[in-house]
Amino acid sequence: MIISMKRGATPEQIDHVKELIEEFGYRVHESRGSERVVFGAIGDERGKERLTCLEAQPGVEKVIPILAPYKLASRETKPESTIIDLGLGVKVGNRKLLVIAGPCAVESQEQIMTVAKALKDSGAQMLRGGAFKPRTSPYAFQGLKDDGLVLLAQAKEQYGLPVITEVMDIASIEVISEYADCLQVGARNIQNFQLLKQVGKTNKPVLLKRGMSTTIEEFLMSAEYVLASGNSNVILCERGIRTFETATRNTLDISAVPVLKERTHLPVVVDPSHGTGHARYVAPMAFAAIAAGADGLMIEVHPKPEEALSDGPQSLRPHEFKDLMEGIRRVAIAVNRDV
């Protein structure tokens, strides 16, 4: 249920209503807008009749049922878009378009430093790189693990780019949190609910990648697990879904962007690299994502894609990424966004 306070409700009235919600056995999610305070009452819906009675309390404007099953992620609960601080002055969810870029996997110091410098020079704001790599084949490169985290930290320190890297299991959350500014939960773990609960207990922003066969509602329910565990800093990433089409690695669901922006207050970014699987399609799909309303992009960049240990065919070379950034700036300006 949503309890909307009247504009001009006194602090005493607001505090009293909050106390009543908690007395009824609900957890309170508070949203303070420019004009009014809105409470989301999270808990067993069998007691919603008691919440409805709150309309009689001084300062309460109305009590509204939350129709969406994802209570905390819904725009019904929080109409204003969420802006998330990723560190070093980088934010996502505001007017400025976030560009995250880097290699699929950290392979060496030379590789990650070369890429980080190129990203910084081209205007990207955040460095991505996998230290722990989930691969379809058990014989494929699995990442440098702890050594990869150290290299990411070195690149962050030298070039001033906050870092995002993937968390694969509960055991690795603590060590990865020491190095990363944002925790990525990959497509294969999007419904690993125990992992989602645990990253929800951290104080790190969490980027969730949509699963290959995950519906939008299922995607938002996964975000709800993180939010319900206490972490309000969740970013959604569309990275393509599995369909019958084989011309691209996945089918990048651009329509998911406006749907998500309508249904949730959480920031939405798009990964055209995984979404298409081919470097030559990355630019047009990146431009389409911006036009559709995405808050950011995640792009794979590698100094020598032909030698990459993971996802070489979809990775841009540094000079190609620089050209892409020029195009991104033009499209962003056209849709009233900054880069």
Protein backbone atom coordinates (compact mmCIF):
# COMPACT_ATOMS: atom_id res chain seq x y z
CA MET A 1 0.00 0.00 0.00
CA ILE A 2 1.06 3.59 -0.60
CA ILE A 3 0.25 6.27 1.95
CA SER A 4 0.52 9.73 0.42
CA MET A 5 0.79 12.61 2.86
CA LYS A 6 -0.79 15.96 2.09
CA ARG A 7 1.32 18.81 0.88
CA GLY A 8 2.05 20.83 4.00
CA ALA A 9 1.66 17.92 6.42
CA THR A 10 3.56 18.70 9.62
CA PRO A 11 6.65 16.72 10.70
CA GLU A 12 4.66 15.46 13.69
CA GLN A 13 1.85 14.15 11.46
CA ILE A 14 4.37 12.47 9.15
CA ASP A 15 6.22 10.81 12.04
CA HIS A 16 2.97 9.62 13.64
CA VAL A 17 1.75 7.96 10.43
CA LYS A 18 5.12 6.28 10.00
CA GLU A 19 4.93 4.94 13.56
CA LEU A 20 1.42 3.58 12.95
CA ILE A 21 2.51 1.74 9.80
CA GLU A 22 5.32 0.08 11.74
CA GLU A 23 2.95 -0.78 14.60
CA PHE A 24 0.74 -2.58 12.08
CA GLY A 25 3.70 -4.85 11.31
CA TYR A 26 4.83 -3.29 8.04
CA ARG A 27 8.25 -2.14 6.90
CA VAL A 28 8.24 1.49 5.80
CA HIS A 29 9.80 2.71 2.56
CA GLU A 30 9.90 6.51 2.68
CA SER A 31 10.08 8.73 -0.38
CA ARG A 32 10.41 12.49 0.04
CA GLY A 33 9.59 14.52 -3.03
CA SER A 34 9.73 18.25 -3.52
CA GLU A 35 6.14 18.73 -2.36
CA ARG A 36 5.06 15.73 -0.30
CA VAL A 37 6.10 12.59 1.55
CA VAL A 38 4.98 9.17 0.35
CA PHE A 39 5.21 5.97 2.42
CA GLY A 40 5.28 2.49 0.98
CA ALA A 41 4.03 -0.12 3.46
CA ILE A 42 5.80 -3.39 2.70
CA GLY A 43 4.53 -6.62 4.22
CA ASP A 44 1.66 -9.10 4.42
CA GLU A 45 -1.23 -7.79 2.31
CA ARG A 46 -3.78 -9.57 4.49
CA GLY A 47 -3.65 -6.62 6.88
CA LYS A 48 -4.25 -3.96 4.26
CA GLU A 49 -7.66 -3.04 5.75
CA ARG A 50 -5.84 -1.55 8.75
CA LEU A 51 -3.69 0.53 6.43
CA THR A 52 -6.79 1.84 4.61
CA CYS A 53 -7.96 3.32 7.91
CA LEU A 54 -4.95 5.62 7.88
CA GLU A 55 -6.88 7.93 5.56
CA ALA A 56 -8.59 9.20 8.70
CA GLN A 57 -5.29 10.35 10.18
CA PRO A 58 -4.44 14.08 10.08
CA GLY A 59 -2.06 14.92 7.25
CA VAL A 60 -2.88 11.84 5.14
CA GLU A 61 -4.10 12.59 1.62
CA LYS A 62 -4.93 9.06 0.46
CA VAL A 63 -4.07 5.37 0.77
CA ILE A 64 -3.55 3.55 -2.52
CA PRO A 65 -3.06 -0.18 -3.16
CA ILE A 66 0.17 -1.04 -4.99
CA LEU A 67 -0.95 -3.08 -7.97
CA ALA A 68 2.47 -4.24 -9.15
CA PRO A 69 3.95 -7.32 -7.43
CA TYR A 70 7.29 -5.49 -7.27
CA LYS A 71 6.43 -3.03 -4.52
CA LEU A 72 9.69 -1.17 -3.93
CA ALA A 73 10.78 -1.09 -7.58
CA SER A 74 7.47 0.31 -8.79
CA ARG A 75 6.88 3.91 -9.80
CA GLU A 76 3.68 3.65 -7.79
CA THR A 77 5.84 3.65 -4.68
CA LYS A 78 8.38 6.21 -5.89
CA PRO A 79 7.26 8.42 -8.79
CA GLU A 80 10.59 10.28 -8.99
CA SER A 81 13.44 8.60 -10.88
CA THR A 82 16.22 7.27 -8.68
CA ILE A 83 19.69 8.77 -9.11
CA ILE A 84 22.57 6.55 -7.97
CA ASP A 85 26.04 7.74 -6.96
CA LEU A 86 28.71 5.40 -8.35
CA GLY A 87 31.68 7.21 -6.83
CA LEU A 88 34.26 9.72 -8.04
CA GLY A 89 31.50 12.10 -9.07
CA VAL A 90 29.84 9.61 -11.46
CA LYS A 91 26.06 9.18 -11.25
CA VAL A 92 23.36 7.38 -13.21
CA GLY A 93 19.67 8.20 -13.51
CA ASN A 94 20.02 11.93 -14.04
CA ARG A 95 20.19 13.90 -17.29
CA LYS A 96 23.82 12.90 -17.90
CA LEU A 97 24.17 9.68 -19.89
CA LEU A 98 26.43 7.11 -18.22
CA VAL A 99 28.91 5.24 -20.45
CA ILE A 100 30.47 2.12 -18.89
CA ALA A 101 33.15 0.44 -20.99
CA GLY A 102 36.00 -2.01 -20.85
CA PRO A 103 36.96 -5.57 -21.68
CA CYS A 104 34.79 -8.57 -20.97
CA ALA A 105 37.62 -10.02 -18.87
CA VAL A 106 40.71 -8.57 -17.24
CA GLU A 107 43.61 -10.42 -18.90
CA SER A 108 46.78 -8.53 -17.97
CA GLN A 109 48.06 -5.26 -16.56
CA GLU A 110 49.00 -4.00 -20.01
CA GLN A 111 45.57 -4.81 -21.40
CA ILE A 112 43.51 -3.17 -18.66
CA MET A 113 45.73 -0.08 -18.44
CA THR A 114 45.64 0.41 -22.21
CA VAL A 115 41.87 0.18 -22.24
CA ALA A 116 41.41 2.41 -19.18
CA LYS A 117 43.51 5.17 -20.72
CA ALA A 118 41.58 4.96 -23.99
CA LEU A 119 38.26 5.13 -22.15
CA LYS A 120 39.33 8.13 -20.10
CA ASP A 121 40.58 9.95 -23.20
CA SER A 122 37.34 9.24 -25.06
CA GLY A 123 35.03 10.36 -22.27
CA ALA A 124 33.73 7.14 -20.71
CA GLN A 125 32.91 7.51 -17.03
CA MET A 126 33.21 3.98 -15.66
CA LEU A 127 35.45 0.95 -16.20
CA ARG A 128 34.06 -2.56 -16.53
CA GLY A 129 36.08 -5.76 -16.46
CA GLY A 130 35.44 -9.31 -15.34
CA ALA A 131 37.76 -10.83 -12.73
CA PHE A 132 35.53 -13.86 -12.09
CA LYS A 133 34.02 -15.05 -15.38
CA PRO A 134 30.99 -17.35 -15.69
CA ARG A 135 31.44 -19.26 -18.96
CA THR A 136 29.23 -21.74 -20.74
CA SER A 137 32.19 -24.08 -21.22
CA PRO A 138 34.16 -25.27 -18.17
CA TYR A 139 37.28 -25.19 -20.36
CA ALA A 140 37.00 -21.50 -21.28
CA PHE A 141 38.97 -18.73 -19.55
CA GLN A 142 37.46 -18.21 -16.09
CA GLY A 143 39.18 -14.93 -15.20
CA LEU A 144 42.19 -13.84 -13.14
CA LYS A 145 40.07 -13.75 -9.99
CA ASP A 146 41.79 -11.87 -7.11
CA ASP A 147 44.66 -10.75 -9.35
CA GLY A 148 42.10 -9.26 -11.73
CA LEU A 149 40.56 -7.24 -8.90
CA VAL A 150 43.97 -5.80 -8.03
CA LEU A 151 44.52 -4.76 -11.66
CA LEU A 152 41.11 -3.07 -11.76
CA ALA A 153 42.00 -1.15 -8.60
CA GLN A 154 45.25 0.00 -10.17
CA ALA A 155 43.43 1.22 -13.28
CA LYS A 156 40.89 3.05 -11.13
CA GLU A 157 43.62 4.80 -9.16
CA GLN A 158 45.60 5.84 -12.22
CA TYR A 159 42.75 7.03 -14.42
CA GLY A 160 40.04 8.03 -11.94
CA LEU A 161 37.36 5.68 -13.25
CA PRO A 162 35.03 3.91 -10.82
CA VAL A 163 34.93 0.15 -11.36
CA ILE A 164 32.17 -2.39 -11.94
CA THR A 165 32.79 -6.13 -11.94
CA GLU A 166 30.69 -9.26 -11.68
CA VAL A 167 29.81 -11.16 -8.52
CA MET A 168 29.18 -14.84 -9.22
CA ASP A 169 28.55 -16.26 -5.76
CA ILE A 170 27.95 -15.29 -2.16
CA ALA A 171 31.47 -16.26 -1.08
CA SER A 172 33.09 -13.67 -3.36
CA ILE A 173 30.92 -10.69 -2.37
CA GLU A 174 33.14 -9.50 0.47
CA VAL A 175 36.43 -9.47 -1.45
CA ILE A 176 34.89 -7.96 -4.59
CA SER A 177 33.22 -5.24 -2.52
CA GLU A 178 36.67 -4.15 -1.32
CA TYR A 179 37.69 -3.31 -4.89
CA ALA A 180 34.53 -2.57 -6.88
CA ASP A 181 32.36 0.55 -6.80
CA CYS A 182 29.42 -1.35 -8.28
CA LEU A 183 28.55 -5.05 -8.14
CA GLN A 184 27.27 -6.67 -11.32
CA VAL A 185 24.92 -9.65 -11.17
CA GLY A 186 25.07 -11.37 -14.55
CA ALA A 187 22.31 -12.80 -16.70
CA ARG A 188 22.93 -16.33 -15.45
CA ASN A 189 22.41 -15.27 -11.83
CA ILE A 190 19.42 -12.97 -12.25
CA GLN A 191 17.19 -15.46 -10.43
CA ASN A 192 19.78 -16.65 -7.93
CA PHE A 193 17.67 -15.26 -5.14
CA GLN A 194 20.10 -16.05 -2.33
CA LEU A 195 22.82 -14.09 -4.13
CA LEU A 196 20.41 -11.21 -4.72
CA LYS A 197 19.55 -11.10 -1.03
CA GLN A 198 23.21 -10.96 -0.06
CA VAL A 199 24.20 -8.19 -2.48
CA GLY A 200 21.14 -6.39 -1.15
CA LYS A 201 22.80 -6.34 2.26
CA THR A 202 25.87 -4.50 0.96
CA ASN A 203 26.24 -0.73 0.64
CA LYS A 204 27.38 -1.02 -2.99
CA PRO A 205 25.27 -0.12 -6.03
CA VAL A 206 24.14 -3.25 -7.87
CA LEU A 207 23.72 -3.63 -11.63
CA LEU A 208 21.37 -6.44 -12.62
CA LYS A 209 21.60 -7.90 -16.11
CA ARG A 210 18.39 -9.26 -17.56
CA GLY A 211 18.41 -13.02 -18.06
CA MET A 212 18.25 -14.60 -21.47
CA SER A 213 14.69 -15.84 -20.89
CA THR A 214 13.59 -13.39 -18.21
CA THR A 215 10.36 -11.45 -18.64
CA ILE A 216 10.25 -7.80 -17.63
CA GLU A 217 8.13 -8.63 -14.60
CA GLU A 218 10.57 -11.35 -13.53
CA PHE A 219 13.42 -8.88 -14.05
CA LEU A 220 11.76 -6.36 -11.76
CA MET A 221 11.02 -9.04 -9.18
CA SER A 222 14.75 -9.82 -9.09
CA ALA A 223 15.42 -6.14 -8.42
CA GLU A 224 12.81 -6.35 -5.67
CA TYR A 225 14.90 -8.98 -3.86
CA VAL A 226 17.83 -6.54 -3.68
CA LEU A 227 15.64 -3.61 -2.67
CA ALA A 228 13.79 -5.65 -0.04
CA SER A 229 17.13 -6.58 1.53
CA GLY A 230 17.88 -2.91 2.17
CA ASN A 231 19.89 -1.80 -0.86
CA SER A 232 18.06 0.96 -2.76
CA ASN A 233 20.81 1.47 -5.35
CA VAL A 234 19.83 -0.90 -8.17
CA ILE A 235 20.52 -0.41 -11.88
CA LEU A 236 18.75 -2.49 -14.52
CA CYS A 237 20.63 -3.61 -17.63
CA GLU A 238 18.97 -4.86 -20.82
CA ARG A 239 21.50 -7.14 -22.58
CA GLY A 240 19.41 -9.11 -25.04
CA ILE A 241 17.11 -12.08 -24.72
CA ARG A 242 17.06 -15.50 -26.35
CA THR A 243 14.70 -15.84 -29.32
CA PHE A 244 14.55 -17.96 -32.47
CA GLU A 245 16.77 -15.45 -34.35
CA THR A 246 20.36 -16.51 -35.00
CA ALA A 247 21.68 -13.50 -36.97
CA THR A 248 22.77 -11.92 -33.69
CA ARG A 249 24.02 -13.45 -30.46
CA ASN A 250 20.87 -12.35 -28.63
CA THR A 251 17.86 -10.23 -29.55
CA LEU A 252 18.39 -6.81 -27.98
CA ASP A 253 15.00 -5.77 -26.60
CA ILE A 254 15.04 -2.02 -27.10
CA SER A 255 11.32 -1.89 -26.30
CA ALA A 256 12.20 -2.97 -22.76
CA VAL A 257 13.71 0.47 -22.12
CA PRO A 258 10.50 2.57 -22.32
CA VAL A 259 8.54 -0.20 -20.61
CA LEU A 260 10.96 -0.27 -17.68
CA LYS A 261 11.13 3.52 -17.51
CA GLU A 262 7.33 3.56 -17.26
CA ARG A 263 7.08 0.86 -14.59
CA THR A 264 10.07 1.54 -12.35
CA HIS A 265 12.00 4.45 -10.92
CA LEU A 266 15.30 2.55 -11.21
CA PRO A 267 17.93 3.60 -13.80
CA VAL A 268 18.07 1.55 -17.01
CA VAL A 269 21.21 0.92 -19.05
CA VAL A 270 21.67 -1.11 -22.24
CA ASP A 271 24.48 -3.46 -23.27
CA PRO A 272 24.54 -3.56 -27.10
CA SER A 273 27.75 -5.61 -27.07
CA HIS A 274 26.19 -8.71 -25.51
CA GLY A 275 22.86 -7.81 -27.08
CA THR A 276 24.18 -8.29 -30.61
CA GLY A 277 27.42 -10.25 -30.27
CA HIS A 278 28.97 -8.39 -33.23
CA ALA A 279 31.09 -5.23 -33.01
CA ARG A 280 29.63 -3.83 -36.23
CA TYR A 281 26.13 -3.68 -34.70
CA VAL A 282 27.13 -2.04 -31.43
CA ALA A 283 26.97 1.59 -32.60
CA PRO A 284 23.47 1.53 -34.19
CA MET A 285 22.00 -0.30 -31.22
CA ALA A 286 23.73 2.07 -28.78
CA PHE A 287 22.17 5.02 -30.60
CA ALA A 288 18.77 3.30 -30.56
CA ALA A 289 19.05 2.70 -26.82
CA ILE A 290 19.73 6.39 -26.16
CA ALA A 291 16.78 7.41 -28.33
CA ALA A 292 14.56 4.94 -26.45
CA GLY A 293 15.38 6.64 -23.15
CA ALA A 294 18.20 4.58 -21.63
CA ASP A 295 20.14 6.20 -18.81
CA GLY A 296 23.42 4.61 -19.86
CA LEU A 297 25.33 2.16 -22.02
CA MET A 298 27.72 -0.70 -21.32
CA ILE A 299 30.23 -1.24 -24.14
CA GLU A 300 32.96 -3.86 -24.50
CA VAL A 301 36.36 -2.50 -25.54
CA HIS A 302 39.59 -4.47 -26.09
CA PRO A 303 42.94 -3.32 -27.54
CA LYS A 304 43.18 -6.48 -29.68
CA PRO A 305 39.78 -8.17 -30.03
CA GLU A 306 41.24 -10.90 -32.22
CA GLU A 307 43.36 -11.99 -29.23
CA ALA A 308 40.71 -11.55 -26.53
CA LEU A 309 40.20 -14.47 -24.17
CA SER A 310 36.49 -13.69 -23.95
CA ASP A 311 33.94 -12.07 -26.29
CA GLY A 312 36.39 -10.74 -28.86
CA PRO A 313 33.90 -10.59 -31.77
CA GLN A 314 31.70 -8.06 -29.99
CA SER A 315 34.51 -5.85 -28.63
CA LEU A 316 35.43 -2.48 -30.12
CA ARG A 317 39.01 -1.36 -30.58
CA PRO A 318 39.93 1.86 -28.74
CA HIS A 319 39.77 4.00 -31.91
CA GLU A 320 36.36 2.51 -32.76
CA PHE A 321 35.15 3.34 -29.27
CA LYS A 322 36.35 6.91 -29.68
CA ASP A 323 34.28 7.21 -32.87
CA LEU A 324 31.31 5.69 -31.08
CA MET A 325 31.55 8.28 -28.31
CA GLU A 326 31.33 11.06 -30.90
CA GLY A 327 28.13 9.52 -32.23
CA ILE A 328 26.77 9.03 -28.72
CA ARG A 329 27.27 12.73 -28.00
CA ARG A 330 25.32 13.73 -31.12
CA VAL A 331 22.39 11.42 -30.34
CA ALA A 332 22.38 12.45 -26.68
CA ILE A 333 22.13 16.11 -27.62
CA ALA A 334 19.22 15.29 -29.95
CA VAL A 335 17.23 13.73 -27.08
CA ASN A 336 18.21 16.40 -24.54
CA ARG A 337 20.79 14.35 -22.64
CA ASP A 338 24.35 15.21 -21.63
CA VAL A 339 27.42 12.98 -21.94
